[in-house]
């Protein structure tokens, strides 16, 4: 049985997260962006039990492998790994919403996707805006370490360091992390990699993004057979995917996908008759951030339900 204890669902929490509560102690916090299969995250946590480690990853398969590794180690040794917490989300979202200002001691990212194609450069993570965001969450004098196998990305990041409050140290390094991607490049003959150490010299103040209040709606009447919903596209996109209606319970469940910059979320909206009135609200038991897109999705479902009568 794999333990889910390291996994945090931040949508169940107040922001920013209280790391003292989650770890049960106060200690320096190191954050790994894109921890892959967790090789370095787990190894560092074992080598430095005096520090707390937060790993950010979006892919469930990689998270599963990391949780499996932690569980296996904890079952085999009395020196259990208790100093790792895992967030499944986009790194931009995590630093915007989850970490308080000047709360992190060290940030590192090993072999982030370089998005090598010209048309994909806009997806690269370490832009000037993102580096300023990292600066705002990092303690004074602390650092960010980035290691890449792709020299053009190494140069691109350095071009974006101006006005981010960091002093940059650029270097060439040998294989040393033993990650999946490092092993892959080494097998293909690459022996040298490119390392950036960004030391915080000047603080950049970027406020925490707050959640958007979410409304519930009411209707006197609703006809499920006439329900249809048009998709919205733009800066915020709301896409209708499915509706399930239970005539006995007088309850409909509407699934929509909400796409916003740097975040895509799935939302179930319930349309339910209660005390003679149809109520439209978010369904219980979901994990999502209360964003303007989620608020708009609720409104779109309400407007579509309103058009049925």
C-alpha atoms as a PDB file:
ATOM      1  CA  UNK A   1       0.000   0.000   0.000  1.00  0.00           C
ATOM      2  CA  UNK A   2       1.500   3.326  -1.088  1.00  0.00           C
ATOM      3  CA  UNK A   3       1.311   6.094   1.496  1.00  0.00           C
ATOM      4  CA  UNK A   4      -0.208   9.365   0.284  1.00  0.00           C
ATOM      5  CA  UNK A   5       0.949  11.219   3.370  1.00  0.00           C
ATOM      6  CA  UNK A   6       3.523  13.394   1.528  1.00  0.00           C
ATOM      7  CA  UNK A   7       0.891  14.559  -0.987  1.00  0.00           C
ATOM      8  CA  UNK A   8      -0.792  17.903  -0.271  1.00  0.00           C
ATOM      9  CA  UNK A   9      -4.034  18.959  -1.931  1.00  0.00           C
ATOM     10  CA  UNK A  10      -3.719  22.733  -1.491  1.00  0.00           C
ATOM     11  CA  UNK A  11      -7.293  23.365  -2.597  1.00  0.00           C
ATOM     12  CA  UNK A  12      -8.319  22.003   0.808  1.00  0.00           C
ATOM     13  CA  UNK A  13      -6.237  24.634   2.580  1.00  0.00           C
ATOM     14  CA  UNK A  14      -5.955  28.324   3.244  1.00  0.00           C
ATOM     15  CA  UNK A  15      -3.290  30.199   1.280  1.00  0.00           C
ATOM     16  CA  UNK A  16      -0.405  30.561   1.673  1.00  0.00           C
ATOM     17  CA  UNK A  17       0.139  27.093   3.066  1.00  0.00           C
ATOM     18  CA  UNK A  18       1.273  26.825   6.668  1.00  0.00           C
ATOM     19  CA  UNK A  19       4.386  24.685   6.292  1.00  0.00           C
ATOM     20  CA  UNK A  20       4.855  24.489  10.057  1.00  0.00           C
ATOM     21  CA  UNK A  21       1.485  22.736  10.221  1.00  0.00           C
ATOM     22  CA  UNK A  22       2.216  20.372   7.314  1.00  0.00           C
ATOM     23  CA  UNK A  23       5.716  19.383   8.452  1.00  0.00           C
ATOM     24  CA  UNK A  24       5.056  19.653  12.177  1.00  0.00           C
ATOM     25  CA  UNK A  25       8.186  21.732  12.682  1.00  0.00           C
ATOM     26  CA  UNK A  26      10.019  24.852  11.613  1.00  0.00           C
ATOM     27  CA  UNK A  27      13.024  24.182   9.366  1.00  0.00           C
ATOM     28  CA  UNK A  28      14.637  25.592   6.193  1.00  0.00           C
ATOM     29  CA  UNK A  29      12.480  24.933   3.137  1.00  0.00           C
ATOM     30  CA  UNK A  30      13.968  23.738  -0.160  1.00  0.00           C
ATOM     31  CA  UNK A  31      11.727  23.530  -3.236  1.00  0.00           C
ATOM     32  CA  UNK A  32      12.373  21.363  -6.298  1.00  0.00           C
ATOM     33  CA  UNK A  33      10.557  22.406  -9.483  1.00  0.00           C
ATOM     34  CA  UNK A  34       9.713  19.376 -11.617  1.00  0.00           C
ATOM     35  CA  UNK A  35      11.154  16.556  -9.510  1.00  0.00           C
ATOM     36  CA  UNK A  36      10.534  13.861 -12.134  1.00  0.00           C
ATOM     37  CA  UNK A  37      10.766  10.421 -10.535  1.00  0.00           C
ATOM     38  CA  UNK A  38      12.020  11.930  -7.281  1.00  0.00           C
ATOM     39  CA  UNK A  39      15.603  10.646  -7.366  1.00  0.00           C
ATOM     40  CA  UNK A  40      17.190  13.905  -6.154  1.00  0.00           C
ATOM     41  CA  UNK A  41      14.281  14.966  -3.950  1.00  0.00           C
ATOM     42  CA  UNK A  42      14.363  11.718  -1.974  1.00  0.00           C
ATOM     43  CA  UNK A  43      18.147  11.562  -1.801  1.00  0.00           C
ATOM     44  CA  UNK A  44      18.498  15.122  -0.502  1.00  0.00           C
ATOM     45  CA  UNK A  45      15.731  14.606   2.047  1.00  0.00           C
ATOM     46  CA  UNK A  46      17.607  11.560   3.391  1.00  0.00           C
ATOM     47  CA  UNK A  47      20.953  13.372   3.429  1.00  0.00           C
ATOM     48  CA  UNK A  48      19.530  16.490   5.095  1.00  0.00           C
ATOM     49  CA  UNK A  49      16.894  15.468   7.657  1.00  0.00           C
ATOM     50  CA  UNK A  50      17.267  18.901   9.251  1.00  0.00           C
ATOM     51  CA  UNK A  51      15.640  20.546   6.199  1.00  0.00           C
ATOM     52  CA  UNK A  52      12.111  20.418   4.784  1.00  0.00           C
ATOM     53  CA  UNK A  53      11.657  19.612   1.074  1.00  0.00           C
ATOM     54  CA  UNK A  54       8.723  20.517  -1.162  1.00  0.00           C
ATOM     55  CA  UNK A  55       8.532  18.920  -4.607  1.00  0.00           C
ATOM     56  CA  UNK A  56       6.393  20.359  -7.412  1.00  0.00           C
ATOM     57  CA  UNK A  57       5.340  18.077 -10.262  1.00  0.00           C
ATOM     58  CA  UNK A  58       2.365  17.907 -12.648  1.00  0.00           C
ATOM     59  CA  UNK A  59       2.520  14.316 -13.888  1.00  0.00           C
ATOM     60  CA  UNK A  60       0.690  11.718 -11.798  1.00  0.00           C
ATOM     61  CA  UNK A  61       2.891   8.864 -13.034  1.00  0.00           C
ATOM     62  CA  UNK A  62       6.019  10.594 -11.728  1.00  0.00           C
ATOM     63  CA  UNK A  63       4.332  11.473  -8.447  1.00  0.00           C
ATOM     64  CA  UNK A  64       3.199   7.861  -8.080  1.00  0.00           C
ATOM     65  CA  UNK A  65       6.759   6.577  -8.602  1.00  0.00           C
ATOM     66  CA  UNK A  66       8.096   9.038  -6.032  1.00  0.00           C
ATOM     67  CA  UNK A  67       5.450   8.114  -3.450  1.00  0.00           C
ATOM     68  CA  UNK A  68       6.221   4.445  -4.106  1.00  0.00           C
ATOM     69  CA  UNK A  69       9.930   5.066  -3.482  1.00  0.00           C
ATOM     70  CA  UNK A  70       9.254   6.941  -0.230  1.00  0.00           C
ATOM     71  CA  UNK A  71       6.880   4.222   0.975  1.00  0.00           C
ATOM     72  CA  UNK A  72       9.391   1.471   0.178  1.00  0.00           C
ATOM     73  CA  UNK A  73      12.175   3.258   2.061  1.00  0.00           C
ATOM     74  CA  UNK A  74       9.936   3.964   5.055  1.00  0.00           C
ATOM     75  CA  UNK A  75       8.893   0.304   5.259  1.00  0.00           C
ATOM     76  CA  UNK A  76      12.484  -0.902   5.124  1.00  0.00           C
ATOM     77  CA  UNK A  77      14.234   1.420   7.576  1.00  0.00           C
ATOM     78  CA  UNK A  78      13.584   2.995  10.974  1.00  0.00           C
ATOM     79  CA  UNK A  79      14.965   6.285   9.618  1.00  0.00           C
ATOM     80  CA  UNK A  80      11.739   7.233   7.894  1.00  0.00           C
ATOM     81  CA  UNK A  81      11.480  10.082   5.405  1.00  0.00           C
ATOM     82  CA  UNK A  82       9.193  12.641   7.021  1.00  0.00           C
ATOM     83  CA  UNK A  83      10.566  15.829   5.506  1.00  0.00           C
ATOM     84  CA  UNK A  84       9.044  15.682   1.978  1.00  0.00           C
ATOM     85  CA  UNK A  85       5.767  17.213   0.833  1.00  0.00           C
ATOM     86  CA  UNK A  86       4.520  16.999  -2.745  1.00  0.00           C
ATOM     87  CA  UNK A  87       2.393  19.477  -4.709  1.00  0.00           C
ATOM     88  CA  UNK A  88       0.736  18.444  -7.979  1.00  0.00           C
ATOM     89  CA  UNK A  89       0.385  21.705  -9.898  1.00  0.00           C
ATOM     90  CA  UNK A  90       1.998  24.089 -12.335  1.00  0.00           C
ATOM     91  CA  UNK A  91       5.023  25.748 -10.738  1.00  0.00           C
ATOM     92  CA  UNK A  92       3.762  29.229 -11.641  1.00  0.00           C
ATOM     93  CA  UNK A  93       0.525  28.579  -9.793  1.00  0.00           C
ATOM     94  CA  UNK A  94       2.379  27.176  -6.792  1.00  0.00           C
ATOM     95  CA  UNK A  95       4.615  30.206  -6.351  1.00  0.00           C
ATOM     96  CA  UNK A  96       1.751  32.631  -7.021  1.00  0.00           C
ATOM     97  CA  UNK A  97      -0.604  31.107  -4.451  1.00  0.00           C
ATOM     98  CA  UNK A  98       0.977  28.561  -2.127  1.00  0.00           C
ATOM     99  CA  UNK A  99       4.229  30.102  -0.803  1.00  0.00           C
ATOM    100  CA  UNK A 100       4.331  33.251   1.293  1.00  0.00           C
ATOM    101  CA  UNK A 101       6.791  36.017   0.476  1.00  0.00           C
ATOM    102  CA  UNK A 102      10.385  35.454   1.644  1.00  0.00           C
ATOM    103  CA  UNK A 103       9.580  31.978   3.008  1.00  0.00           C
ATOM    104  CA  UNK A 104      11.868  29.698   0.931  1.00  0.00           C
ATOM    105  CA  UNK A 105      15.551  28.991   1.564  1.00  0.00           C
ATOM    106  CA  UNK A 106      16.531  27.300  -1.698  1.00  0.00           C
ATOM    107  CA  UNK A 107      14.905  26.569  -5.079  1.00  0.00           C
ATOM    108  CA  UNK A 108      16.300  24.206  -7.671  1.00  0.00           C
ATOM    109  CA  UNK A 109      15.241  22.778 -11.030  1.00  0.00           C
ATOM    110  CA  UNK A 110      17.204  20.014 -12.742  1.00  0.00           C
ATOM    111  CA  UNK A 111      16.798  19.599 -16.486  1.00  0.00           C
ATOM    112  CA  UNK A 112      13.522  21.507 -16.944  1.00  0.00           C
ATOM    113  CA  UNK A 113      11.907  21.163 -20.354  1.00  0.00           C
ATOM    114  CA  UNK A 114      13.798  23.585 -22.659  1.00  0.00           C
ATOM    115  CA  UNK A 115      10.997  23.778 -25.248  1.00  0.00           C
ATOM    116  CA  UNK A 116      13.594  23.794 -28.040  1.00  0.00           C
ATOM    117  CA  UNK A 117      11.251  24.530 -30.959  1.00  0.00           C
ATOM    118  CA  UNK A 118      10.930  28.206 -31.873  1.00  0.00           C
ATOM    119  CA  UNK A 119       7.150  28.144 -31.676  1.00  0.00           C
ATOM    120  CA  UNK A 120       7.265  26.670 -28.162  1.00  0.00           C
ATOM    121  CA  UNK A 121       9.614  29.213 -26.544  1.00  0.00           C
ATOM    122  CA  UNK A 122       6.624  30.958 -24.950  1.00  0.00           C
ATOM    123  CA  UNK A 123       6.191  27.880 -22.735  1.00  0.00           C
ATOM    124  CA  UNK A 124       9.654  28.160 -21.169  1.00  0.00           C
ATOM    125  CA  UNK A 125       9.471  28.512 -17.421  1.00  0.00           C
ATOM    126  CA  UNK A 126      12.305  30.779 -16.339  1.00  0.00           C
ATOM    127  CA  UNK A 127      11.169  34.019 -17.937  1.00  0.00           C
ATOM    128  CA  UNK A 128      11.825  37.402 -16.349  1.00  0.00           C
ATOM    129  CA  UNK A 129       8.342  37.452 -14.778  1.00  0.00           C
ATOM    130  CA  UNK A 130       8.767  33.984 -13.285  1.00  0.00           C
ATOM    131  CA  UNK A 131      12.242  34.786 -11.952  1.00  0.00           C
ATOM    132  CA  UNK A 132      10.850  37.897 -10.259  1.00  0.00           C
ATOM    133  CA  UNK A 133       8.149  35.708  -8.716  1.00  0.00           C
ATOM    134  CA  UNK A 134      10.782  33.272  -7.407  1.00  0.00           C
ATOM    135  CA  UNK A 135      12.740  36.210  -6.008  1.00  0.00           C
ATOM    136  CA  UNK A 136       9.691  37.410  -4.062  1.00  0.00           C
ATOM    137  CA  UNK A 137       9.238  34.019  -2.374  1.00  0.00           C
ATOM    138  CA  UNK A 138      12.944  33.490  -1.600  1.00  0.00           C
ATOM    139  CA  UNK A 139      14.647  34.714   1.562  1.00  0.00           C
ATOM    140  CA  UNK A 140      17.268  37.432   1.197  1.00  0.00           C
ATOM    141  CA  UNK A 141      20.687  36.122   0.204  1.00  0.00           C
ATOM    142  CA  UNK A 142      19.348  32.680  -0.758  1.00  0.00           C
ATOM    143  CA  UNK A 143      19.509  31.165  -4.213  1.00  0.00           C
ATOM    144  CA  UNK A 144      17.938  29.398  -7.193  1.00  0.00           C
ATOM    145  CA  UNK A 145      19.869  26.656  -9.019  1.00  0.00           C
ATOM    146  CA  UNK A 146      18.963  25.644 -12.574  1.00  0.00           C
ATOM    147  CA  UNK A 147      20.738  22.893 -14.515  1.00  0.00           C
ATOM    148  CA  UNK A 148      20.029  22.277 -18.204  1.00  0.00           C
ATOM    149  CA  UNK A 149      21.442  20.115 -20.965  1.00  0.00           C
ATOM    150  CA  UNK A 150      20.406  22.645 -23.657  1.00  0.00           C
ATOM    151  CA  UNK A 151      22.884  25.491 -24.192  1.00  0.00           C
ATOM    152  CA  UNK A 152      20.418  27.822 -26.000  1.00  0.00           C
ATOM    153  CA  UNK A 153      18.110  27.576 -22.974  1.00  0.00           C
ATOM    154  CA  UNK A 154      21.075  28.331 -20.691  1.00  0.00           C
ATOM    155  CA  UNK A 155      21.685  31.519 -22.698  1.00  0.00           C
ATOM    156  CA  UNK A 156      17.968  32.375 -22.898  1.00  0.00           C
ATOM    157  CA  UNK A 157      17.580  32.330 -19.113  1.00  0.00           C
ATOM    158  CA  UNK A 158      20.586  34.622 -18.691  1.00  0.00           C
ATOM    159  CA  UNK A 159      18.976  37.082 -21.099  1.00  0.00           C
ATOM    160  CA  UNK A 160      15.933  37.222 -18.803  1.00  0.00           C
ATOM    161  CA  UNK A 161      17.766  37.777 -15.504  1.00  0.00           C
ATOM    162  CA  UNK A 162      17.938  41.567 -15.778  1.00  0.00           C
ATOM    163  CA  UNK A 163      15.721  43.390 -13.263  1.00  0.00           C
ATOM    164  CA  UNK A 164      14.916  40.185 -11.378  1.00  0.00           C
ATOM    165  CA  UNK A 165      16.977  41.068  -8.280  1.00  0.00           C
ATOM    166  CA  UNK A 166      19.426  38.190  -8.794  1.00  0.00           C
ATOM    167  CA  UNK A 167      23.170  38.047  -9.233  1.00  0.00           C
ATOM    168  CA  UNK A 168      23.997  35.248 -11.657  1.00  0.00           C
ATOM    169  CA  UNK A 169      26.814  32.708 -11.514  1.00  0.00           C
ATOM    170  CA  UNK A 170      27.062  30.617 -14.700  1.00  0.00           C
ATOM    171  CA  UNK A 171      29.123  27.444 -14.892  1.00  0.00           C
ATOM    172  CA  UNK A 172      29.637  24.187 -16.790  1.00  0.00           C
ATOM    173  CA  UNK A 173      29.198  21.044 -14.721  1.00  0.00           C
ATOM    174  CA  UNK A 174      29.658  17.298 -15.102  1.00  0.00           C
ATOM    175  CA  UNK A 175      27.112  14.550 -14.462  1.00  0.00           C
ATOM    176  CA  UNK A 176      26.331  14.401 -10.741  1.00  0.00           C
ATOM    177  CA  UNK A 177      22.566  14.089 -10.131  1.00  0.00           C
ATOM    178  CA  UNK A 178      21.800  10.644 -11.577  1.00  0.00           C
ATOM    179  CA  UNK A 179      18.316  11.613 -12.772  1.00  0.00           C
ATOM    180  CA  UNK A 180      16.476   9.876 -15.601  1.00  0.00           C
ATOM    181  CA  UNK A 181      17.183  12.727 -17.996  1.00  0.00           C
ATOM    182  CA  UNK A 182      20.823  13.145 -16.990  1.00  0.00           C
ATOM    183  CA  UNK A 183      21.378   9.415 -17.589  1.00  0.00           C
ATOM    184  CA  UNK A 184      19.668   9.712 -20.965  1.00  0.00           C
ATOM    185  CA  UNK A 185      21.911  12.569 -22.120  1.00  0.00           C
ATOM    186  CA  UNK A 186      25.018  10.805 -20.817  1.00  0.00           C
ATOM    187  CA  UNK A 187      24.121   7.632 -22.733  1.00  0.00           C
ATOM    188  CA  UNK A 188      23.852   9.792 -25.854  1.00  0.00           C
ATOM    189  CA  UNK A 189      27.371  11.097 -25.274  1.00  0.00           C
ATOM    190  CA  UNK A 190      26.792  14.406 -23.481  1.00  0.00           C
ATOM    191  CA  UNK A 191      29.255  14.887 -20.625  1.00  0.00           C
ATOM    192  CA  UNK A 192      28.852  18.600 -19.853  1.00  0.00           C
ATOM    193  CA  UNK A 193      25.780  20.442 -18.601  1.00  0.00           C
ATOM    194  CA  UNK A 194      25.027  24.078 -17.889  1.00  0.00           C
ATOM    195  CA  UNK A 195      24.382  25.394 -14.393  1.00  0.00           C
ATOM    196  CA  UNK A 196      23.040  28.741 -13.219  1.00  0.00           C
ATOM    197  CA  UNK A 197      23.107  29.857  -9.606  1.00  0.00           C
ATOM    198  CA  UNK A 198      20.986  32.934  -8.997  1.00  0.00           C
ATOM    199  CA  UNK A 199      21.664  34.632  -5.661  1.00  0.00           C
ATOM    200  CA  UNK A 200      19.040  37.050  -4.348  1.00  0.00           C
ATOM    201  CA  UNK A 201      20.485  40.532  -3.953  1.00  0.00           C
ATOM    202  CA  UNK A 202      17.412  42.775  -4.168  1.00  0.00           C
ATOM    203  CA  UNK A 203      13.881  41.895  -3.090  1.00  0.00           C
ATOM    204  CA  UNK A 204      11.030  41.995  -5.613  1.00  0.00           C
ATOM    205  CA  UNK A 205       7.663  42.358  -3.920  1.00  0.00           C
ATOM    206  CA  UNK A 206       4.918  40.347  -5.630  1.00  0.00           C
ATOM    207  CA  UNK A 207       1.674  39.848  -3.729  1.00  0.00           C
ATOM    208  CA  UNK A 208       0.081  36.466  -3.229  1.00  0.00           C
ATOM    209  CA  UNK A 209      -2.767  35.740  -5.621  1.00  0.00           C
ATOM    210  CA  UNK A 210      -5.991  35.434  -3.676  1.00  0.00           C
ATOM    211  CA  UNK A 211      -8.962  33.215  -4.401  1.00  0.00           C
ATOM    212  CA  UNK A 212     -12.044  34.569  -6.158  1.00  0.00           C
ATOM    213  CA  UNK A 213     -15.349  34.492  -4.245  1.00  0.00           C
ATOM    214  CA  UNK A 214     -17.686  31.929  -5.833  1.00  0.00           C
ATOM    215  CA  UNK A 215     -21.431  32.557  -6.086  1.00  0.00           C
ATOM    216  CA  UNK A 216     -24.322  30.130  -5.905  1.00  0.00           C
ATOM    217  CA  UNK A 217     -27.379  30.735  -8.069  1.00  0.00           C
ATOM    218  CA  UNK A 218     -31.104  29.987  -7.828  1.00  0.00           C
ATOM    219  CA  UNK A 219     -33.827  29.347 -10.399  1.00  0.00           C
ATOM    220  CA  UNK A 220     -37.561  28.780  -9.986  1.00  0.00           C
ATOM    221  CA  UNK A 221     -37.618  26.258 -12.851  1.00  0.00           C
ATOM    222  CA  UNK A 222     -35.220  24.071 -14.839  1.00  0.00           C
ATOM    223  CA  UNK A 223     -35.770  21.697 -17.773  1.00  0.00           C
ATOM    224  CA  UNK A 224     -32.863  19.265 -18.166  1.00  0.00           C
ATOM    225  CA  UNK A 225     -34.071  18.113 -21.609  1.00  0.00           C
ATOM    226  CA  UNK A 226     -33.497  21.595 -23.014  1.00  0.00           C
ATOM    227  CA  UNK A 227     -30.121  22.208 -21.417  1.00  0.00           C
ATOM    228  CA  UNK A 228     -27.351  23.210 -23.804  1.00  0.00           C
ATOM    229  CA  UNK A 229     -24.269  25.258 -23.199  1.00  0.00           C
ATOM    230  CA  UNK A 230     -22.095  27.148 -25.665  1.00  0.00           C
ATOM    231  CA  UNK A 231     -18.340  27.121 -25.188  1.00  0.00           C
ATOM    232  CA  UNK A 232     -16.496  30.337 -24.442  1.00  0.00           C
ATOM    233  CA  UNK A 233     -12.957  30.921 -25.699  1.00  0.00           C
ATOM    234  CA  UNK A 234     -10.462  33.680 -25.037  1.00  0.00           C
ATOM    235  CA  UNK A 235      -8.217  34.679 -22.128  1.00  0.00           C
ATOM    236  CA  UNK A 236     -10.537  32.492 -20.050  1.00  0.00           C
ATOM    237  CA  UNK A 237     -12.117  29.513 -21.823  1.00  0.00           C
ATOM    238  CA  UNK A 238     -15.074  27.529 -20.503  1.00  0.00           C
ATOM    239  CA  UNK A 239     -15.758  24.289 -22.371  1.00  0.00           C
ATOM    240  CA  UNK A 240     -18.837  22.137 -21.734  1.00  0.00           C
ATOM    241  CA  UNK A 241     -18.036  18.406 -21.574  1.00  0.00           C
ATOM    242  CA  UNK A 242     -20.995  16.489 -20.165  1.00  0.00           C
ATOM    243  CA  UNK A 243     -24.224  16.557 -18.167  1.00  0.00           C
ATOM    244  CA  UNK A 244     -25.750  13.757 -16.077  1.00  0.00           C
ATOM    245  CA  UNK A 245     -29.343  14.081 -14.848  1.00  0.00           C
ATOM    246  CA  UNK A 246     -31.095  11.966 -12.205  1.00  0.00           C
ATOM    247  CA  UNK A 247     -34.869  12.522 -12.541  1.00  0.00           C
ATOM    248  CA  UNK A 248     -35.670  10.745  -9.273  1.00  0.00           C
ATOM    249  CA  UNK A 249     -33.328  12.932  -7.254  1.00  0.00           C
ATOM    250  CA  UNK A 250     -34.015  15.997  -9.415  1.00  0.00           C
ATOM    251  CA  UNK A 251     -30.317  16.602  -9.714  1.00  0.00           C
ATOM    252  CA  UNK A 252     -28.022  17.386 -12.642  1.00  0.00           C
ATOM    253  CA  UNK A 253     -24.217  17.302 -12.713  1.00  0.00           C
ATOM    254  CA  UNK A 254     -22.498  19.430 -15.349  1.00  0.00           C
ATOM    255  CA  UNK A 255     -18.810  18.943 -16.182  1.00  0.00           C
ATOM    256  CA  UNK A 256     -16.863  21.872 -17.642  1.00  0.00           C
ATOM    257  CA  UNK A 257     -13.189  22.508 -18.343  1.00  0.00           C
ATOM    258  CA  UNK A 258     -11.859  25.926 -17.390  1.00  0.00           C
ATOM    259  CA  UNK A 259      -8.666  27.109 -19.097  1.00  0.00           C
ATOM    260  CA  UNK A 260      -6.850  30.216 -17.879  1.00  0.00           C
ATOM    261  CA  UNK A 261      -3.258  31.391 -18.326  1.00  0.00           C
ATOM    262  CA  UNK A 262      -0.978  28.751 -16.744  1.00  0.00           C
ATOM    263  CA  UNK A 263      -3.906  26.727 -15.369  1.00  0.00           C
ATOM    264  CA  UNK A 264      -6.542  24.290 -16.633  1.00  0.00           C
ATOM    265  CA  UNK A 265      -9.103  22.904 -14.203  1.00  0.00           C
ATOM    266  CA  UNK A 266     -12.061  20.510 -14.320  1.00  0.00           C
ATOM    267  CA  UNK A 267     -15.216  21.584 -12.514  1.00  0.00           C
ATOM    268  CA  UNK A 268     -18.411  19.743 -11.676  1.00  0.00           C
ATOM    269  CA  UNK A 269     -21.390  22.046 -11.205  1.00  0.00           C
ATOM    270  CA  UNK A 270     -24.521  20.725  -9.522  1.00  0.00           C
ATOM    271  CA  UNK A 271     -28.057  21.833 -10.467  1.00  0.00           C
ATOM    272  CA  UNK A 272     -30.321  20.501  -7.728  1.00  0.00           C
ATOM    273  CA  UNK A 273     -33.927  21.040  -6.665  1.00  0.00           C
ATOM    274  CA  UNK A 274     -34.188  21.790  -2.963  1.00  0.00           C
ATOM    275  CA  UNK A 275     -37.224  23.100  -1.126  1.00  0.00           C
ATOM    276  CA  UNK A 276     -38.954  23.958  -4.383  1.00  0.00           C
ATOM    277  CA  UNK A 277     -36.009  25.930  -5.824  1.00  0.00           C
ATOM    278  CA  UNK A 278     -33.291  24.893  -8.259  1.00  0.00           C
ATOM    279  CA  UNK A 279     -29.835  25.708  -6.932  1.00  0.00           C
ATOM    280  CA  UNK A 280     -26.691  25.975  -9.061  1.00  0.00           C
ATOM    281  CA  UNK A 281     -23.359  25.692  -7.247  1.00  0.00           C
ATOM    282  CA  UNK A 282     -20.049  23.850  -7.285  1.00  0.00           C
ATOM    283  CA  UNK A 283     -20.245  20.194  -6.335  1.00  0.00           C
ATOM    284  CA  UNK A 284     -18.651  19.088  -3.072  1.00  0.00           C
ATOM    285  CA  UNK A 285     -15.494  16.989  -2.870  1.00  0.00           C
ATOM    286  CA  UNK A 286     -13.512  18.646  -5.691  1.00  0.00           C
ATOM    287  CA  UNK A 287      -9.984  19.972  -5.907  1.00  0.00           C
ATOM    288  CA  UNK A 288      -9.681  23.306  -7.666  1.00  0.00           C
ATOM    289  CA  UNK A 289      -8.457  26.834  -7.121  1.00  0.00           C
ATOM    290  CA  UNK A 290     -11.254  29.431  -6.881  1.00  0.00           C
ATOM    291  CA  UNK A 291     -10.170  31.555  -9.837  1.00  0.00           C
ATOM    292  CA  UNK A 292     -12.024  34.088 -12.039  1.00  0.00           C
ATOM    293  CA  UNK A 293     -12.390  31.299 -14.609  1.00  0.00           C
ATOM    294  CA  UNK A 294     -14.147  29.037 -12.101  1.00  0.00           C
ATOM    295  CA  UNK A 295     -16.464  31.901 -11.155  1.00  0.00           C
ATOM    296  CA  UNK A 296     -17.242  32.474 -14.830  1.00  0.00           C
ATOM    297  CA  UNK A 297     -17.909  28.755 -15.376  1.00  0.00           C
ATOM    298  CA  UNK A 298     -20.494  28.751 -12.596  1.00  0.00           C
ATOM    299  CA  UNK A 299     -22.151  31.768 -14.182  1.00  0.00           C
ATOM    300  CA  UNK A 300     -22.149  30.109 -17.624  1.00  0.00           C
ATOM    301  CA  UNK A 301     -23.892  27.014 -16.269  1.00  0.00           C
ATOM    302  CA  UNK A 302     -26.451  29.229 -14.512  1.00  0.00           C
ATOM    303  CA  UNK A 303     -27.158  31.182 -17.710  1.00  0.00           C
ATOM    304  CA  UNK A 304     -27.529  27.942 -19.699  1.00  0.00           C
ATOM    305  CA  UNK A 305     -29.937  26.563 -17.083  1.00  0.00           C
ATOM    306  CA  UNK A 306     -31.879  29.812 -17.110  1.00  0.00           C
ATOM    307  CA  UNK A 307     -32.414  29.495 -20.874  1.00  0.00           C
ATOM    308  CA  UNK A 308     -34.210  26.156 -20.444  1.00  0.00           C
ATOM    309  CA  UNK A 309     -37.398  27.845 -19.174  1.00  0.00           C
END
